[in-house]
């Protein structure tokens, strides 16, 4: 039993490292100090602060009285996903112990990380009040650069801080800008704190999370994962100011059960579950700028 616990403890950070390496939205994770547990177990509360402005100073009576308003907003967790993989002990042995290790690696790299990214982007894209470009498919890198400048102008005018703006864009668009090799293109990209390439397969305005159970004549969701929603559009790029959103995992479990502790079969089992939230502060929607195809 002790060896099994050690295996789980050692393996969990390894799986987490694979997830972080494969994810493009890990750097959006919020500071947990800003998040408090709500009255109900499935919700959190976060502070929203507002202050009044300056008034005329009077040499007799002095300052006008300002006010500070702190409200605690409540929002519910909106992501609860998990799976269990089993690999027969003989299958694992006869593949030189590759089958089980590779299965867990592939789960994190090809399923967990892409789905978490896709869910984050689709959630942000669906928030009411964010800034949006006119839907378009950019003809070339120059058109993409022009759209980035328009986005930058909009966020500057909305007084979104330049620091911590992250640009997410498809590899096709970013590689096209790199191909221009001009001072102008380098300056535009350098104006962002970070620039991340996002495969189009993770970059939609709306997705459907497949339940891993349903199978009918018209649909089969037994493989789980996600797909582009019928109403979803391909995203060209998304600019996110990190302070505008809440992205936090309350509960993440990756545990290993060896065959000797498996009551149902002679197989290794890896269990993975992620329970968390992606949401946007209602007074900071200007911190998101979206461009998607028509």
Protein backbone atom coordinates (compact mmCIF):
# COMPACT_ATOMS: atom_id res chain seq x y z
CA UNK A 1 0.00 0.00 0.00
CA UNK A 2 2.82 2.40 0.86
CA UNK A 3 4.41 1.92 -2.56
CA UNK A 4 1.09 2.61 -4.26
CA UNK A 5 0.71 5.91 -2.41
CA UNK A 6 4.26 6.89 -3.33
CA UNK A 7 3.55 6.10 -6.97
CA UNK A 8 0.44 8.28 -6.94
CA UNK A 9 2.25 11.15 -5.26
CA UNK A 10 5.14 11.00 -7.70
CA UNK A 11 2.98 10.53 -10.76
CA UNK A 12 0.52 13.34 -10.10
CA UNK A 13 3.06 16.18 -10.44
CA UNK A 14 4.37 14.50 -13.59
CA UNK A 15 0.90 14.50 -15.15
CA UNK A 16 0.44 18.11 -14.06
CA UNK A 17 3.69 19.07 -15.80
CA UNK A 18 2.48 17.46 -19.03
CA UNK A 19 -0.79 19.38 -18.77
CA UNK A 20 0.97 22.71 -18.23
CA UNK A 21 3.34 22.11 -21.12
CA UNK A 22 0.47 21.28 -23.48
CA UNK A 23 -1.90 24.04 -22.33
CA UNK A 24 -1.79 27.56 -23.79
CA UNK A 25 -4.08 29.10 -21.16
CA UNK A 26 -2.26 28.02 -18.00
CA UNK A 27 -0.82 31.54 -17.59
CA UNK A 28 -4.36 32.92 -17.16
CA UNK A 29 -4.82 31.12 -13.83
CA UNK A 30 -6.06 33.59 -11.20
CA UNK A 31 -4.58 34.46 -7.84
CA UNK A 32 -6.45 32.28 -5.35
CA UNK A 33 -6.20 35.05 -2.73
CA UNK A 34 -8.91 36.97 -4.62
CA UNK A 35 -11.34 34.08 -4.40
CA UNK A 36 -13.45 33.16 -1.38
CA UNK A 37 -15.79 30.21 -0.87
CA UNK A 38 -19.46 31.12 -1.17
CA UNK A 39 -22.37 30.14 1.02
CA UNK A 40 -22.95 27.08 -1.15
CA UNK A 41 -20.20 24.58 -1.93
CA UNK A 42 -20.58 25.00 -5.69
CA UNK A 43 -19.99 28.76 -5.78
CA UNK A 44 -17.34 31.39 -5.06
CA UNK A 45 -17.47 35.09 -4.31
CA UNK A 46 -15.06 37.72 -5.57
CA UNK A 47 -14.65 41.44 -4.83
CA UNK A 48 -15.73 44.19 -7.22
CA UNK A 49 -14.45 47.61 -6.19
CA UNK A 50 -15.67 51.05 -7.30
CA UNK A 51 -14.68 54.54 -6.09
CA UNK A 52 -16.15 57.98 -6.73
CA UNK A 53 -14.19 60.65 -8.59
CA UNK A 54 -12.67 64.03 -7.76
CA UNK A 55 -14.71 67.05 -6.78
CA UNK A 56 -13.93 70.77 -6.48
CA UNK A 57 -11.60 71.64 -3.62
CA UNK A 58 -12.87 74.46 -1.43
CA UNK A 59 -10.32 76.56 0.51
CA UNK A 60 -12.76 76.94 3.38
CA UNK A 61 -14.42 73.55 3.65
CA UNK A 62 -11.64 71.51 2.04
CA UNK A 63 -12.22 68.23 0.24
CA UNK A 64 -15.45 66.77 -1.06
CA UNK A 65 -16.39 63.44 0.46
CA UNK A 66 -15.71 60.47 -1.78
CA UNK A 67 -16.83 56.90 -1.31
CA UNK A 68 -15.48 53.40 -1.73
CA UNK A 69 -17.91 50.66 -2.70
CA UNK A 70 -16.87 47.01 -2.38
CA UNK A 71 -19.36 44.39 -3.54
CA UNK A 72 -18.92 40.66 -3.31
CA UNK A 73 -20.23 39.02 -6.45
CA UNK A 74 -21.30 35.38 -6.50
CA UNK A 75 -20.67 32.98 -9.37
CA UNK A 76 -20.90 29.22 -9.70
CA UNK A 77 -18.28 26.74 -10.82
CA UNK A 78 -18.91 25.85 -14.45
CA UNK A 79 -16.44 23.07 -15.25
CA UNK A 80 -16.60 19.56 -13.78
CA UNK A 81 -15.03 16.89 -15.97
CA UNK A 82 -13.24 13.61 -15.44
CA UNK A 83 -12.44 10.15 -16.75
CA UNK A 84 -11.02 6.79 -15.71
CA UNK A 85 -8.64 4.74 -17.86
CA UNK A 86 -7.77 1.10 -17.21
CA UNK A 87 -4.88 -0.91 -18.70
CA UNK A 88 -4.64 -4.66 -18.06
CA UNK A 89 -1.49 -5.58 -16.14
CA UNK A 90 -0.42 -8.08 -18.83
CA UNK A 91 -0.99 -5.56 -21.61
CA UNK A 92 1.22 -3.18 -19.70
CA UNK A 93 3.91 -5.82 -19.04
CA UNK A 94 3.95 -7.09 -22.62
CA UNK A 95 4.45 -3.56 -23.96
CA UNK A 96 7.42 -3.11 -21.60
CA UNK A 97 5.27 -0.99 -19.28
CA UNK A 98 4.67 1.56 -22.03
CA UNK A 99 0.89 1.13 -22.37
CA UNK A 100 -0.12 2.54 -19.01
CA UNK A 101 2.42 5.39 -18.91
CA UNK A 102 1.66 6.43 -22.46
CA UNK A 103 -2.08 6.27 -21.85
CA UNK A 104 -1.84 8.73 -18.96
CA UNK A 105 0.52 10.99 -20.93
CA UNK A 106 -1.77 11.01 -23.95
CA UNK A 107 -4.77 11.76 -21.75
CA UNK A 108 -3.12 14.93 -20.42
CA UNK A 109 -1.54 16.06 -23.67
CA UNK A 110 -4.25 15.30 -26.23
CA UNK A 111 -7.45 15.48 -24.15
CA UNK A 112 -7.19 17.37 -20.87
CA UNK A 113 -5.10 20.34 -22.03
CA UNK A 114 -6.90 20.94 -25.36
CA UNK A 115 -10.34 20.71 -23.72
CA UNK A 116 -9.38 23.10 -20.91
CA UNK A 117 -8.09 25.59 -23.48
CA UNK A 118 -11.14 25.24 -25.72
CA UNK A 119 -13.48 25.70 -22.77
CA UNK A 120 -11.60 28.81 -21.63
CA UNK A 121 -11.66 30.45 -25.07
CA UNK A 122 -15.30 29.60 -25.75
CA UNK A 123 -16.35 30.89 -22.33
CA UNK A 124 -14.51 34.19 -22.78
CA UNK A 125 -15.84 34.60 -26.33
CA UNK A 126 -19.39 34.12 -25.08
CA UNK A 127 -19.27 36.86 -22.44
CA UNK A 128 -21.67 39.73 -23.10
CA UNK A 129 -20.12 43.18 -23.52
CA UNK A 130 -16.61 42.24 -24.64
CA UNK A 131 -15.04 44.13 -27.56
CA UNK A 132 -15.35 42.49 -30.96
CA UNK A 133 -13.97 43.05 -34.43
CA UNK A 134 -16.16 42.73 -37.49
CA UNK A 135 -16.30 39.06 -38.44
CA UNK A 136 -13.78 38.40 -41.18
CA UNK A 137 -11.34 35.96 -42.73
CA UNK A 138 -8.10 37.87 -43.17
CA UNK A 139 -6.72 37.70 -46.68
CA UNK A 140 -3.08 38.00 -45.63
CA UNK A 141 -0.75 38.94 -42.78
CA UNK A 142 -1.11 42.64 -43.54
CA UNK A 143 -4.86 42.45 -42.96
CA UNK A 144 -4.23 40.62 -39.69
CA UNK A 145 -1.78 43.33 -38.58
CA UNK A 146 -4.33 46.02 -39.39
CA UNK A 147 -6.90 44.17 -37.26
CA UNK A 148 -4.41 43.95 -34.38
CA UNK A 149 -3.78 47.69 -34.55
CA UNK A 150 -7.54 48.34 -34.47
CA UNK A 151 -7.82 46.03 -31.45
CA UNK A 152 -4.95 47.77 -29.70
CA UNK A 153 -6.50 51.17 -30.36
CA UNK A 154 -9.83 50.01 -28.90
CA UNK A 155 -8.24 48.63 -25.74
CA UNK A 156 -6.06 51.74 -25.35
CA UNK A 157 -9.12 53.97 -25.64
CA UNK A 158 -10.90 51.80 -23.06
CA UNK A 159 -7.88 52.33 -20.77
CA UNK A 160 -7.05 48.66 -20.47
CA UNK A 161 -3.47 48.48 -19.10
CA UNK A 162 -0.92 47.42 -21.73
CA UNK A 163 0.96 45.27 -19.26
CA UNK A 164 -0.41 41.72 -19.01
CA UNK A 165 -2.23 41.80 -22.34
CA UNK A 166 -1.86 38.37 -23.92
CA UNK A 167 -2.45 37.77 -27.62
CA UNK A 168 -3.81 34.38 -28.65
CA UNK A 169 -3.93 33.73 -32.38
CA UNK A 170 -3.90 30.84 -34.83
CA UNK A 171 -0.49 29.59 -36.00
CA UNK A 172 -1.43 30.48 -39.58
CA UNK A 173 -1.91 34.15 -38.72
CA UNK A 174 1.15 34.48 -36.47
CA UNK A 175 3.41 32.62 -38.87
CA UNK A 176 2.23 34.90 -41.65
CA UNK A 177 3.27 37.97 -39.64
CA UNK A 178 6.65 36.42 -38.93
CA UNK A 179 7.07 35.91 -42.65
CA UNK A 180 6.77 39.65 -43.25
CA UNK A 181 9.95 40.22 -41.23
CA UNK A 182 9.36 43.95 -40.91
CA UNK A 183 10.01 46.35 -38.06
CA UNK A 184 6.31 47.22 -38.02
CA UNK A 185 5.21 43.64 -37.49
CA UNK A 186 7.77 43.07 -34.73
CA UNK A 187 6.68 46.24 -32.94
CA UNK A 188 3.02 45.25 -32.98
CA UNK A 189 3.66 41.77 -31.61
CA UNK A 190 6.13 43.15 -29.05
CA UNK A 191 3.40 45.39 -27.63
CA UNK A 192 1.82 42.32 -26.01
CA UNK A 193 3.18 40.81 -22.80
CA UNK A 194 2.96 37.37 -24.41
CA UNK A 195 1.94 35.94 -27.77
CA UNK A 196 0.56 32.40 -27.92
CA UNK A 197 -0.21 30.18 -30.89
CA UNK A 198 -3.53 28.35 -30.58
CA UNK A 199 -4.43 25.49 -32.93
CA UNK A 200 -7.74 26.17 -34.64
CA UNK A 201 -9.08 22.90 -33.19
CA UNK A 202 -9.09 24.58 -29.73
CA UNK A 203 -10.15 28.04 -30.92
CA UNK A 204 -13.93 28.38 -31.25
CA UNK A 205 -16.50 30.85 -29.97
CA UNK A 206 -18.66 27.97 -28.72
CA UNK A 207 -18.11 24.28 -28.01
CA UNK A 208 -20.14 21.28 -26.90
CA UNK A 209 -18.68 19.20 -24.07
CA UNK A 210 -19.42 15.54 -24.83
CA UNK A 211 -20.73 13.62 -21.82
CA UNK A 212 -18.88 10.34 -22.44
CA UNK A 213 -22.10 8.33 -22.02
CA UNK A 214 -24.77 9.14 -24.59
CA UNK A 215 -25.17 6.98 -27.68
CA UNK A 216 -28.21 7.20 -29.95
CA UNK A 217 -28.98 6.74 -33.63
CA UNK A 218 -28.06 10.35 -34.29
CA UNK A 219 -25.18 10.99 -31.91
CA UNK A 220 -22.36 9.19 -30.16
CA UNK A 221 -20.69 10.95 -27.21
CA UNK A 222 -19.15 7.86 -25.64
CA UNK A 223 -15.60 8.96 -26.53
CA UNK A 224 -16.03 12.13 -24.47
CA UNK A 225 -13.94 15.26 -25.15
CA UNK A 226 -15.51 18.25 -27.00
CA UNK A 227 -16.47 19.48 -30.45
CA UNK A 228 -17.20 22.78 -32.14
CA UNK A 229 -20.80 23.80 -31.44
CA UNK A 230 -23.24 24.28 -34.29
CA UNK A 231 -23.31 28.00 -33.47
CA UNK A 232 -19.54 28.21 -32.98
CA UNK A 233 -17.27 30.31 -35.17
CA UNK A 234 -13.55 29.90 -35.80
CA UNK A 235 -11.62 32.46 -33.75
CA UNK A 236 -8.90 34.45 -35.51
CA UNK A 237 -7.42 36.00 -32.41
CA UNK A 238 -8.31 36.83 -28.83
CA UNK A 239 -6.61 39.45 -26.66
CA UNK A 240 -7.02 38.94 -22.92
CA UNK A 241 -5.93 41.15 -20.06
CA UNK A 242 -5.21 38.69 -17.28
CA UNK A 243 -6.82 40.74 -14.51
CA UNK A 244 -10.24 40.69 -16.19
CA UNK A 245 -11.04 37.03 -15.60
CA UNK A 246 -11.37 34.35 -12.98
CA UNK A 247 -9.76 31.07 -13.95
CA UNK A 248 -9.31 28.74 -11.03
CA UNK A 249 -9.35 25.02 -10.35
CA UNK A 250 -10.85 24.27 -6.96
CA UNK A 251 -10.26 20.53 -7.17
CA UNK A 252 -7.89 18.55 -9.40
CA UNK A 253 -7.30 14.85 -8.82
CA UNK A 254 -4.97 12.54 -10.72
CA UNK A 255 -4.63 9.25 -8.87
CA UNK A 256 -3.13 5.86 -9.70
CA UNK A 257 -4.57 2.51 -8.62
CA UNK A 258 -2.30 -0.52 -9.15
CA UNK A 259 -3.78 -3.95 -10.00
CA UNK A 260 -3.36 -5.32 -6.47
CA UNK A 261 -5.64 -2.57 -5.15
CA UNK A 262 -8.17 -2.82 -7.97
CA UNK A 263 -11.19 -4.83 -6.73
CA UNK A 264 -12.76 -5.19 -10.18
CA UNK A 265 -9.97 -6.35 -12.50
CA UNK A 266 -6.26 -7.08 -12.84
CA UNK A 267 -5.56 -3.66 -14.33
CA UNK A 268 -3.86 -0.38 -13.64
CA UNK A 269 -6.24 2.55 -13.35
CA UNK A 270 -5.62 6.28 -13.70
CA UNK A 271 -8.40 8.60 -12.55
CA UNK A 272 -8.49 12.27 -13.45
CA UNK A 273 -10.96 14.98 -12.46
CA UNK A 274 -10.92 18.76 -12.79
CA UNK A 275 -13.47 21.00 -11.07
CA UNK A 276 -13.14 24.71 -11.58
CA UNK A 277 -14.36 27.95 -13.06
CA UNK A 278 -13.74 30.32 -15.95
CA UNK A 279 -15.59 33.64 -15.71
CA UNK A 280 -15.06 37.35 -16.31
CA UNK A 281 -15.34 40.27 -13.88
CA UNK A 282 -18.44 42.14 -15.01
CA UNK A 283 -16.76 45.55 -14.73
CA UNK A 284 -13.72 44.45 -16.74
CA UNK A 285 -15.20 43.11 -19.97
CA UNK A 286 -13.15 45.69 -21.91
CA UNK A 287 -10.15 43.52 -21.11
CA UNK A 288 -11.20 41.01 -23.78
CA UNK A 289 -11.09 41.63 -27.54
CA UNK A 290 -12.37 38.99 -29.96
CA UNK A 291 -11.98 38.49 -33.70
CA UNK A 292 -13.67 35.54 -35.37
CA UNK A 293 -14.49 34.42 -38.87
CA UNK A 294 -17.87 35.03 -40.43
